[in-house]
Amino acid sequence: SLDLSLNGLSSVPVGLLDELQSLRWLSLAGNRLHGLERAAFEPLANLQHLELGHNPWECDCNLRDFKHWMEWLLYRGGKVDAVECTLPKDLRGRDIRGVPVEMFNYCVPPCSRNVLNPSGGGGGGGGGGGVEAPGDCARARYRPASVRRAIGTVVIAGVVCGIVCIMMVAAAAYGCIYASLMAKYQRELKKRQPLMGDGEADAEDREEKQISSVA
């Protein structure tokens, strides 16, 4: 086990946990973590319990890949405590594990800085250093427009499930009605069989009487 809680950590560098493949319990609770890199946790093949509570999580596109890794950990029987979002505001207080993955469909690749090499001649002794300028793109975050798409997906799935359930109920009702009708038919058939047998016996008696009278 490894307890890194309450250490003021703001990130977990990739490679920090590479030599801990046998680690089964890890706590990162009570730090200053906004997001985590999936690659930093993929070497933990035997991890069973992960504590991430009490961190100011920003549930934006930077946390999407780590969300997928958490879902994989839960799928193979691991345990993860609540990862409550602090940003954006419309997700504040929600556990990111319950946020539909469709909300991250509009994520764009992270921005990169462009290195501009100054051109132009000049006199002697000029330095050849580059100038680093920020790109025009902004940090990728969760977009509210994707919420509508996620809700639409949930509604469509609910309608399809409802139709399937109605069809199953109708099929079950039809089967019950058919079974009851067949049972009723069998009961009536059994009631008629003794009557038919008595009629045949009476006919045989009459034939015997006619033969004896002729004789």
Foldseek 3Di string as FASTA:
>chain_A
DEEPAPVQDAAQDAPPCLVVLVDAEYEHEHHAYQAYDPNNCVSNPRHAEYEYYHYAYAPWLRHLVVLVVVVVSVVVHHYYDFDAYCPDPVRGRPGSNPPDSLQHPPFDDAFDKDWAFDDDDDDPPDDRDIDIDGDPDDGGTGDPVSVVVVVVVVVVVVVVVVVVVVVVVVVVVVVVVVVVVVVVVVVVVVVVVVVVVVVVVVVVVVVVVVVVVVD
